[in-house]
C-alpha atoms as a PDB file:
ATOM      1  CA  MET A   1      17.438  12.777   0.804  1.00  0.00           C
ATOM      2  CA  LEU A   2      15.309  10.034  -0.801  1.00  0.00           C
ATOM      3  CA  ARG A   3      19.079   9.355  -2.757  1.00  0.00           C
ATOM      4  CA  ALA A   4      20.537   8.511   0.860  1.00  0.00           C
ATOM      5  CA  HIS A   5      17.253   6.469   2.223  1.00  0.00           C
ATOM      6  CA  LEU A   6      17.124   4.238  -1.097  1.00  0.00           C
ATOM      7  CA  ASP A   7      21.364   3.587  -1.574  1.00  0.00           C
ATOM      8  CA  VAL A   8      21.771   2.001   1.602  1.00  0.00           C
ATOM      9  CA  ASP A   9      25.276   1.071   1.016  1.00  0.00           C
ATOM     10  CA  GLY A  10      26.241   4.575  -0.831  1.00  0.00           C
ATOM     11  CA  ASP A  11      27.458   2.587  -3.877  1.00  0.00           C
ATOM     12  CA  GLY A  12      25.110   4.692  -5.931  1.00  0.00           C
ATOM     13  CA  LEU A  13      23.063   1.658  -6.971  1.00  0.00           C
ATOM     14  CA  VAL A  14      20.079   0.170  -5.948  1.00  0.00           C
ATOM     15  CA  PRO A  15      18.715  -3.373  -5.277  1.00  0.00           C
ATOM     16  CA  ARG A  16      16.766  -4.234  -8.683  1.00  0.00           C
ATOM     17  CA  MET A  17      13.302  -6.017  -7.630  1.00  0.00           C
ATOM     18  CA  ASP A  18      10.201  -5.994 -10.213  1.00  0.00           C
ATOM     19  CA  THR A  19       8.074  -7.917  -7.994  1.00  0.00           C
ATOM     20  CA  VAL A  20       7.559  -8.164  -3.951  1.00  0.00           C
ATOM     21  CA  GLY A  21       5.614  -9.441  -1.665  1.00  0.00           C
ATOM     22  CA  LEU A  22       4.971  -8.354   2.583  1.00  0.00           C
ATOM     23  CA  TRP A  23       3.158 -10.266   5.009  1.00  0.00           C
ATOM     24  CA  GLY A  24       2.172  -9.702   8.809  1.00  0.00           C
ATOM     25  CA  ARG A  25       0.088  -9.415  11.647  1.00  0.00           C
ATOM     26  CA  GLY A  26      -2.042  -6.473  13.255  1.00  0.00           C
ATOM     27  CA  ARG A  27      -5.336  -5.428  14.184  1.00  0.00           C
ATOM     28  CA  MET A  28      -8.395  -3.731  12.568  1.00  0.00           C
ATOM     29  CA  ARG A  29     -10.551  -1.238  14.264  1.00  0.00           C
ATOM     30  CA  ALA A  30     -14.069  -2.674  13.175  1.00  0.00           C
ATOM     31  CA  ALA A  31     -16.449  -0.426  15.812  1.00  0.00           C
ATOM     32  CA  PRO A  32     -15.217   1.903  18.494  1.00  0.00           C
ATOM     33  CA  GLY A  33     -13.367   0.322  21.177  1.00  0.00           C
ATOM     34  CA  VAL A  34     -13.769  -3.077  18.792  1.00  0.00           C
ATOM     35  CA  TRP A  35     -10.363  -4.480  17.016  1.00  0.00           C
ATOM     36  CA  LEU A  36      -9.979  -7.432  15.223  1.00  0.00           C
ATOM     37  CA  PRO A  37      -6.590  -9.435  14.642  1.00  0.00           C
ATOM     38  CA  LEU A  38      -5.934  -9.885  11.083  1.00  0.00           C
ATOM     39  CA  ARG A  39      -3.330 -11.601   9.166  1.00  0.00           C
ATOM     40  CA  MET A  40      -2.337  -9.809   5.614  1.00  0.00           C
ATOM     41  CA  ARG A  41      -0.246 -10.600   2.353  1.00  0.00           C
ATOM     42  CA  THR A  42       0.440  -8.262  -0.026  1.00  0.00           C
ATOM     43  CA  GLN A  43       1.876  -8.861  -3.493  1.00  0.00           C
ATOM     44  CA  HIS A  44       3.225  -6.335  -5.928  1.00  0.00           C
ATOM     45  CA  GLU A  45       4.048  -5.633  -9.502  1.00  0.00           C
ATOM     46  CA  LEU A  46       5.974  -2.508  -8.826  1.00  0.00           C
ATOM     47  CA  GLY A  47       4.475   0.620  -9.566  1.00  0.00           C
ATOM     48  CA  HIS A  48       1.825  -1.689 -11.992  1.00  0.00           C
ATOM     49  CA  ALA A  49      -0.651  -3.417  -9.888  1.00  0.00           C
ATOM     50  CA  PHE A  50      -0.655  -5.184  -6.203  1.00  0.00           C
ATOM     51  CA  VAL A  51      -2.725  -7.843  -4.248  1.00  0.00           C
ATOM     52  CA  ALA A  52      -3.413  -7.200  -0.696  1.00  0.00           C
ATOM     53  CA  ASP A  53      -5.408 -10.528   0.812  1.00  0.00           C
ATOM     54  CA  ILE A  54      -6.644  -9.944   4.362  1.00  0.00           C
ATOM     55  CA  GLU A  55      -7.904 -12.171   6.628  1.00  0.00           C
ATOM     56  CA  LEU A  56      -9.952 -10.863   9.728  1.00  0.00           C
ATOM     57  CA  CYS A  57      -9.731 -13.281  12.863  1.00  0.00           C
ATOM     58  CA  TRP A  58     -12.026 -14.173  15.515  1.00  0.00           C
ATOM     59  CA  HIS A  59     -10.464 -16.497  18.658  1.00  0.00           C
ATOM     60  CA  SER A  60      -7.592 -17.558  16.449  1.00  0.00           C
ATOM     61  CA  ARG A  61      -9.428 -18.630  13.719  1.00  0.00           C
ATOM     62  CA  ALA A  62     -10.423 -16.482  10.084  1.00  0.00           C
ATOM     63  CA  ALA A  63     -13.209 -15.067  10.321  1.00  0.00           C
ATOM     64  CA  VAL A  64     -14.335 -12.714   6.947  1.00  0.00           C
ATOM     65  CA  SER A  65     -11.574 -12.670   4.196  1.00  0.00           C
ATOM     66  CA  ALA A  66     -10.687  -9.379   2.017  1.00  0.00           C
ATOM     67  CA  THR A  67      -9.168  -8.439  -0.737  1.00  0.00           C
ATOM     68  CA  GLU A  68      -8.063  -4.743  -1.712  1.00  0.00           C
ATOM     69  CA  ALA A  69      -6.499  -4.635  -5.610  1.00  0.00           C
ATOM     70  CA  LEU A  70      -5.382  -2.744  -8.398  1.00  0.00           C
ATOM     71  CA  VAL A  71      -4.838  -4.053 -11.371  1.00  0.00           C
ATOM     72  CA  ASP A  72      -4.553  -2.623 -15.225  1.00  0.00           C
ATOM     73  CA  GLY A  73      -5.466   0.695 -13.456  1.00  0.00           C
ATOM     74  CA  ARG A  74      -8.854  -0.742 -11.717  1.00  0.00           C
ATOM     75  CA  GLY A  75      -9.486  -0.897  -8.207  1.00  0.00           C
ATOM     76  CA  LEU A  76     -11.381  -3.933  -6.220  1.00  0.00           C
ATOM     77  CA  SER A  77     -12.359  -4.110  -2.951  1.00  0.00           C
ATOM     78  CA  GLN A  78     -13.744  -7.309  -1.954  1.00  0.00           C
ATOM     79  CA  GLN A  79     -15.530  -8.591   1.673  1.00  0.00           C
ATOM     80  CA  GLY A  80     -16.662 -12.184   1.577  1.00  0.00           C
ATOM     81  CA  PRO A  81     -18.969 -12.046  -1.636  1.00  0.00           C
ATOM     82  CA  ALA A  82     -19.432  -8.649  -1.674  1.00  0.00           C
ATOM     83  CA  VAL A  83     -17.165  -6.734  -4.666  1.00  0.00           C
ATOM     84  CA  SER A  84     -17.097  -3.393  -4.976  1.00  0.00           C
ATOM     85  CA  LEU A  85     -15.774  -1.649  -7.950  1.00  0.00           C
ATOM     86  CA  GLY A  86     -15.630   2.097  -9.676  1.00  0.00           C
ATOM     87  CA  PRO A  87     -13.666   5.185  -9.635  1.00  0.00           C
ATOM     88  CA  GLU A  88     -13.543   5.989  -5.947  1.00  0.00           C
ATOM     89  CA  ILE A  89     -12.069   2.340  -5.503  1.00  0.00           C
ATOM     90  CA  ASP A  90      -9.709   3.120  -8.585  1.00  0.00           C
ATOM     91  CA  GLN A  91      -8.298   5.381  -6.257  1.00  0.00           C
ATOM     92  CA  GLY A  92      -7.916   4.064  -3.179  1.00  0.00           C
ATOM     93  CA  ALA A  93      -6.098   1.268  -4.292  1.00  0.00           C
ATOM     94  CA  GLY A  94      -4.111   3.252  -6.189  1.00  0.00           C
ATOM     95  CA  LEU A  95      -2.891   4.869  -2.915  1.00  0.00           C
ATOM     96  CA  PHE A  96      -2.523   1.588  -1.254  1.00  0.00           C
ATOM     97  CA  LEU A  97      -0.297   0.513  -3.582  1.00  0.00           C
ATOM     98  CA  TRP A  98       2.050   3.377  -3.599  1.00  0.00           C
ATOM     99  CA  SER A  99       2.061   3.881   0.099  1.00  0.00           C
ATOM    100  CA  GLU A 100       3.800   0.350   0.096  1.00  0.00           C
ATOM    101  CA  ALA A 101       5.931   0.499  -3.259  1.00  0.00           C
ATOM    102  CA  ILE A 102       7.786   3.772  -2.322  1.00  0.00           C
ATOM    103  CA  LEU A 103       9.284   1.957  -0.116  1.00  0.00           C
ATOM    104  CA  ILE A 104      11.485  -0.432  -2.612  1.00  0.00           C
ATOM    105  CA  PRO A 105      13.947   1.411  -4.607  1.00  0.00           C
ATOM    106  CA  SER A 106      13.350   0.020  -7.741  1.00  0.00           C
ATOM    107  CA  VAL A 107      10.032   1.471  -7.891  1.00  0.00           C
ATOM    108  CA  TYR A 108      11.607   4.441  -8.920  1.00  0.00           C
ATOM    109  CA  ALA A 109      13.712   3.435 -11.942  1.00  0.00           C
ATOM    110  CA  THR A 110      10.602   1.653 -13.616  1.00  0.00           C
ATOM    111  CA  ASP A 111       8.351   3.218 -16.268  1.00  0.00           C
ATOM    112  CA  ARG A 112       5.880   4.196 -13.533  1.00  0.00           C
ATOM    113  CA  ALA A 113       8.044   6.236 -11.267  1.00  0.00           C
ATOM    114  CA  PRO A 114       6.358   8.944  -9.459  1.00  0.00           C
ATOM    115  CA  SER A 115       7.652  12.335 -10.171  1.00  0.00           C
ATOM    116  CA  VAL A 116       9.137  13.608  -6.895  1.00  0.00           C
ATOM    117  CA  GLU A 117       9.971  17.242  -5.726  1.00  0.00           C
ATOM    118  CA  GLU A 118      11.039  18.498  -2.370  1.00  0.00           C
ATOM    119  CA  VAL A 119       8.869  21.169  -1.446  1.00  0.00           C
ATOM    120  CA  ALA A 120      10.333  21.725   2.122  1.00  0.00           C
ATOM    121  CA  PRO A 121      13.135  20.246   4.346  1.00  0.00           C
ATOM    122  CA  GLY A 122      12.318  16.391   4.964  1.00  0.00           C
ATOM    123  CA  ARG A 123       9.226  16.908   3.021  1.00  0.00           C
ATOM    124  CA  LEU A 124       8.539  15.463  -0.559  1.00  0.00           C
ATOM    125  CA  ALA A 125       5.651  15.957  -3.116  1.00  0.00           C
ATOM    126  CA  LEU A 126       4.715  12.996  -5.161  1.00  0.00           C
ATOM    127  CA  ASP A 127       2.693  12.717  -8.343  1.00  0.00           C
ATOM    128  CA  LEU A 128       1.160   9.280  -8.328  1.00  0.00           C
ATOM    129  CA  PRO A 129       0.469   7.340 -11.359  1.00  0.00           C
ATOM    130  CA  ILE A 130      -3.028   5.602 -10.735  1.00  0.00           C
ATOM    131  CA  GLY A 131      -3.933   3.902 -14.127  1.00  0.00           C
ATOM    132  CA  ALA A 132      -4.604   6.888 -16.658  1.00  0.00           C
ATOM    133  CA  GLN A 133      -4.742   9.577 -14.043  1.00  0.00           C
ATOM    134  CA  ARG A 134      -2.559  11.227 -11.353  1.00  0.00           C
ATOM    135  CA  GLU A 135      -2.550  11.872  -7.891  1.00  0.00           C
ATOM    136  CA  PRO A 136      -0.705  14.103  -5.519  1.00  0.00           C
ATOM    137  CA  ALA A 137       0.781  12.572  -2.365  1.00  0.00           C
ATOM    138  CA  VAL A 138       3.158  14.002   0.404  1.00  0.00           C
ATOM    139  CA  LEU A 139       5.939  11.741   1.787  1.00  0.00           C
ATOM    140  CA  GLU A 140       7.229  13.127   4.920  1.00  0.00           C
ATOM    141  CA  PHE A 141      10.809  11.732   6.410  1.00  0.00           C
ATOM    142  CA  ASP A 142      12.135  11.633  10.024  1.00  0.00           C
ATOM    143  CA  GLU A 143      15.913  10.455  10.645  1.00  0.00           C
ATOM    144  CA  GLY A 144      16.823   9.800   6.747  1.00  0.00           C
ATOM    145  CA  ARG A 145      13.880   7.380   7.035  1.00  0.00           C
ATOM    146  CA  PRO A 146      10.072   7.871   5.630  1.00  0.00           C
ATOM    147  CA  ALA A 147       7.833   8.748   8.352  1.00  0.00           C
ATOM    148  CA  ARG A 148       4.482   9.559   6.712  1.00  0.00           C
ATOM    149  CA  PHE A 149       2.637   9.398   3.595  1.00  0.00           C
ATOM    150  CA  ARG A 150      -0.694  11.221   3.248  1.00  0.00           C
ATOM    151  CA  ALA A 151      -3.137  11.825   0.338  1.00  0.00           C
ATOM    152  CA  ARG A 152      -6.893  12.705  -0.023  1.00  0.00           C
ATOM    153  CA  ARG A 153      -8.652   9.265  -0.343  1.00  0.00           C
ATOM    154  CA  CYS A 154     -11.976   8.587  -1.121  1.00  0.00           C
ATOM    155  CA  LYS A 155     -13.564   7.258   2.078  1.00  0.00           C
ATOM    156  CA  SER A 156     -16.576   5.174   0.070  1.00  0.00           C
ATOM    157  CA  VAL A 157     -18.264   4.745  -3.024  1.00  0.00           C
ATOM    158  CA  GLY A 158     -19.497   8.362  -3.310  1.00  0.00           C
ATOM    159  CA  GLY A 159     -18.384   9.616  -0.636  1.00  0.00           C
ATOM    160  CA  GLU A 160     -15.853  12.792  -0.422  1.00  0.00           C
ATOM    161  CA  GLN A 161     -12.476  12.564  -0.302  1.00  0.00           C
ATOM    162  CA  VAL A 162     -10.930  12.458   3.097  1.00  0.00           C
ATOM    163  CA  ASP A 163      -7.467  13.292   4.366  1.00  0.00           C
ATOM    164  CA  TRP A 164      -5.613   9.584   4.530  1.00  0.00           C
ATOM    165  CA  GLU A 165      -2.132   8.600   6.454  1.00  0.00           C
ATOM    166  CA  VAL A 166       0.523   5.910   6.286  1.00  0.00           C
ATOM    167  CA  THR A 167       2.899   6.302   9.091  1.00  0.00           C
ATOM    168  CA  TYR A 168       6.252   4.014   9.372  1.00  0.00           C
ATOM    169  CA  THR A 169       8.261   3.521  12.040  1.00  0.00           C
ATOM    170  CA  GLY A 170      11.040   0.712  13.291  1.00  0.00           C
ATOM    171  CA  TRP A 171      13.043   0.341  10.329  1.00  0.00           C
ATOM    172  CA  ARG A 172      15.794  -1.904   9.557  1.00  0.00           C
ATOM    173  CA  THR A 173      17.499  -3.107   6.103  1.00  0.00           C
ATOM    174  CA  VAL A 174      16.173  -6.479   5.148  1.00  0.00           C
ATOM    175  CA  SER A 175      17.696  -8.007   1.963  1.00  0.00           C
ATOM    176  CA  GLY A 176      19.709  -4.918   0.787  1.00  0.00           C
ATOM    177  CA  VAL A 177      16.038  -2.964   1.410  1.00  0.00           C
ATOM    178  CA  PRO A 178      15.084  -0.641   4.452  1.00  0.00           C
ATOM    179  CA  LEU A 179      11.911  -1.343   5.564  1.00  0.00           C
ATOM    180  CA  PRO A 180       9.574  -0.703   8.669  1.00  0.00           C
ATOM    181  CA  ASP A 181       8.598  -3.158  10.922  1.00  0.00           C
ATOM    182  CA  HIS A 182       5.428  -1.097  11.851  1.00  0.00           C
ATOM    183  CA  VAL A 183       2.938   0.763   9.746  1.00  0.00           C
ATOM    184  CA  GLU A 184      -0.389   2.368  10.649  1.00  0.00           C
ATOM    185  CA  ILE A 185      -3.531   3.814   8.693  1.00  0.00           C
ATOM    186  CA  ARG A 186      -5.315   6.471  10.065  1.00  0.00           C
ATOM    187  CA  TRP A 187      -8.092   8.800   8.276  1.00  0.00           C
ATOM    188  CA  ALA A 188      -8.247  12.249   9.370  1.00  0.00           C
ATOM    189  CA  ASP A 189     -11.903  12.020  10.923  1.00  0.00           C
ATOM    190  CA  GLU A 190     -11.553   9.228  13.128  1.00  0.00           C
ATOM    191  CA  ALA A 191     -10.031   9.412  16.199  1.00  0.00           C
ATOM    192  CA  GLY A 192      -7.393   6.687  16.363  1.00  0.00           C
ATOM    193  CA  PRO A 193      -5.756   4.557  13.670  1.00  0.00           C
ATOM    194  CA  ARG A 194      -8.138   2.148  11.946  1.00  0.00           C
ATOM    195  CA  LEU A 195      -5.393  -0.415  11.245  1.00  0.00           C
ATOM    196  CA  ARG A 196      -1.798  -1.131  12.944  1.00  0.00           C
ATOM    197  CA  PHE A 197       0.650  -3.758  10.956  1.00  0.00           C
ATOM    198  CA  ASP A 198       3.235  -5.735  12.058  1.00  0.00           C
ATOM    199  CA  ARG A 199       5.545  -6.234   8.855  1.00  0.00           C
ATOM    200  CA  ASP A 200       6.779 -10.297   9.571  1.00  0.00           C
ATOM    201  CA  GLY A 201       8.552 -11.051   6.093  1.00  0.00           C
ATOM    202  CA  PHE A 202       9.278  -9.964   3.191  1.00  0.00           C
ATOM    203  CA  ALA A 203      10.710 -11.327  -0.373  1.00  0.00           C
ATOM    204  CA  ALA A 204      11.577  -9.654  -3.887  1.00  0.00           C
ATOM    205  CA  THR A 205      11.230 -10.930  -7.144  1.00  0.00           C
ATOM    206  CA  ILE A 206       8.599 -13.832  -6.113  1.00  0.00           C
ATOM    207  CA  ASP A 207       5.711 -15.123  -8.929  1.00  0.00           C
ATOM    208  CA  VAL A 208       2.918 -12.786  -8.886  1.00  0.00           C
ATOM    209  CA  ALA A 209       1.216 -13.267 -11.819  1.00  0.00           C
ATOM    210  CA  PRO A 210      -1.548 -15.955 -10.644  1.00  0.00           C
ATOM    211  CA  ARG A 211      -3.141 -13.654  -7.806  1.00  0.00           C
ATOM    212  CA  ILE A 212      -2.407 -10.994 -10.144  1.00  0.00           C
ATOM    213  CA  GLU A 213      -4.612 -12.660 -12.818  1.00  0.00           C
ATOM    214  CA  GLU A 214      -7.111 -14.415 -10.880  1.00  0.00           C
ATOM    215  CA  ILE A 215      -7.987 -10.776  -9.780  1.00  0.00           C
ATOM    216  CA  ARG A 216      -8.160 -10.058 -13.143  1.00  0.00           C
ATOM    217  CA  ARG A 217     -10.774 -12.591 -14.027  1.00  0.00           C
ATOM    218  CA  ALA A 218     -12.437 -11.311 -10.886  1.00  0.00           C
ATOM    219  CA  LEU A 219     -12.749  -7.647 -12.319  1.00  0.00           C
ATOM    220  CA  ARG A 220     -14.054  -8.935 -15.716  1.00  0.00           C
ATOM    221  CA  ALA A 221     -16.781 -10.991 -14.162  1.00  0.00           C
ATOM    222  CA  ALA A 222     -17.804  -8.157 -11.497  1.00  0.00           C
ATOM    223  CA  ALA A 223     -18.122  -5.731 -14.459  1.00  0.00           C
ATOM    224  CA  THR A 224     -20.736  -8.067 -16.292  1.00  0.00           C
ATOM    225  CA  ARG A 225     -22.763  -8.494 -13.524  1.00  0.00           C
END
């Protein structure tokens, strides 16, 4: 199942990509019935680090800038000047990283590859490396493609874990890699999706080091406050 998904042309090989970027547009539910348009760009060092830069828009203008990241096993959540750190942020950022990284074939050939076990037809149990910890997750397939990524995620600092789900639809092959055009994220204790995202672009083998180093410096600075 997983092998067939990753090996698009059936030659037994998968494209080698150590860094990737994805970007697109969407909407985030800021309050019941209130949706804000957004732009988002994610940069990955596959299996190791990621940075998601998000702009929430109001009347087509950027109103709030936010960042979600995981670098050196440490998570960062920033909205405007406010920065949040801690074990809950590490865990949540790690799950965000893997909800995208598992879609890229070569992540399964890295030293950070998740452990994978088929536990039922169309369902894989994942053991995800996040820093020095491991987190369980489930990846469900539909018609040969990933359809749902599920895990228990900390919703807030000091809060309890809640079922968190990412769904993928609209699959097509881009640069030799099957990718979804549409992604939705939801929390089990909410009535509907928290975020809807339409992918506009994808690029492989990009220079992610400058942005990752910026986050590394921001983590050091925030830890000393």
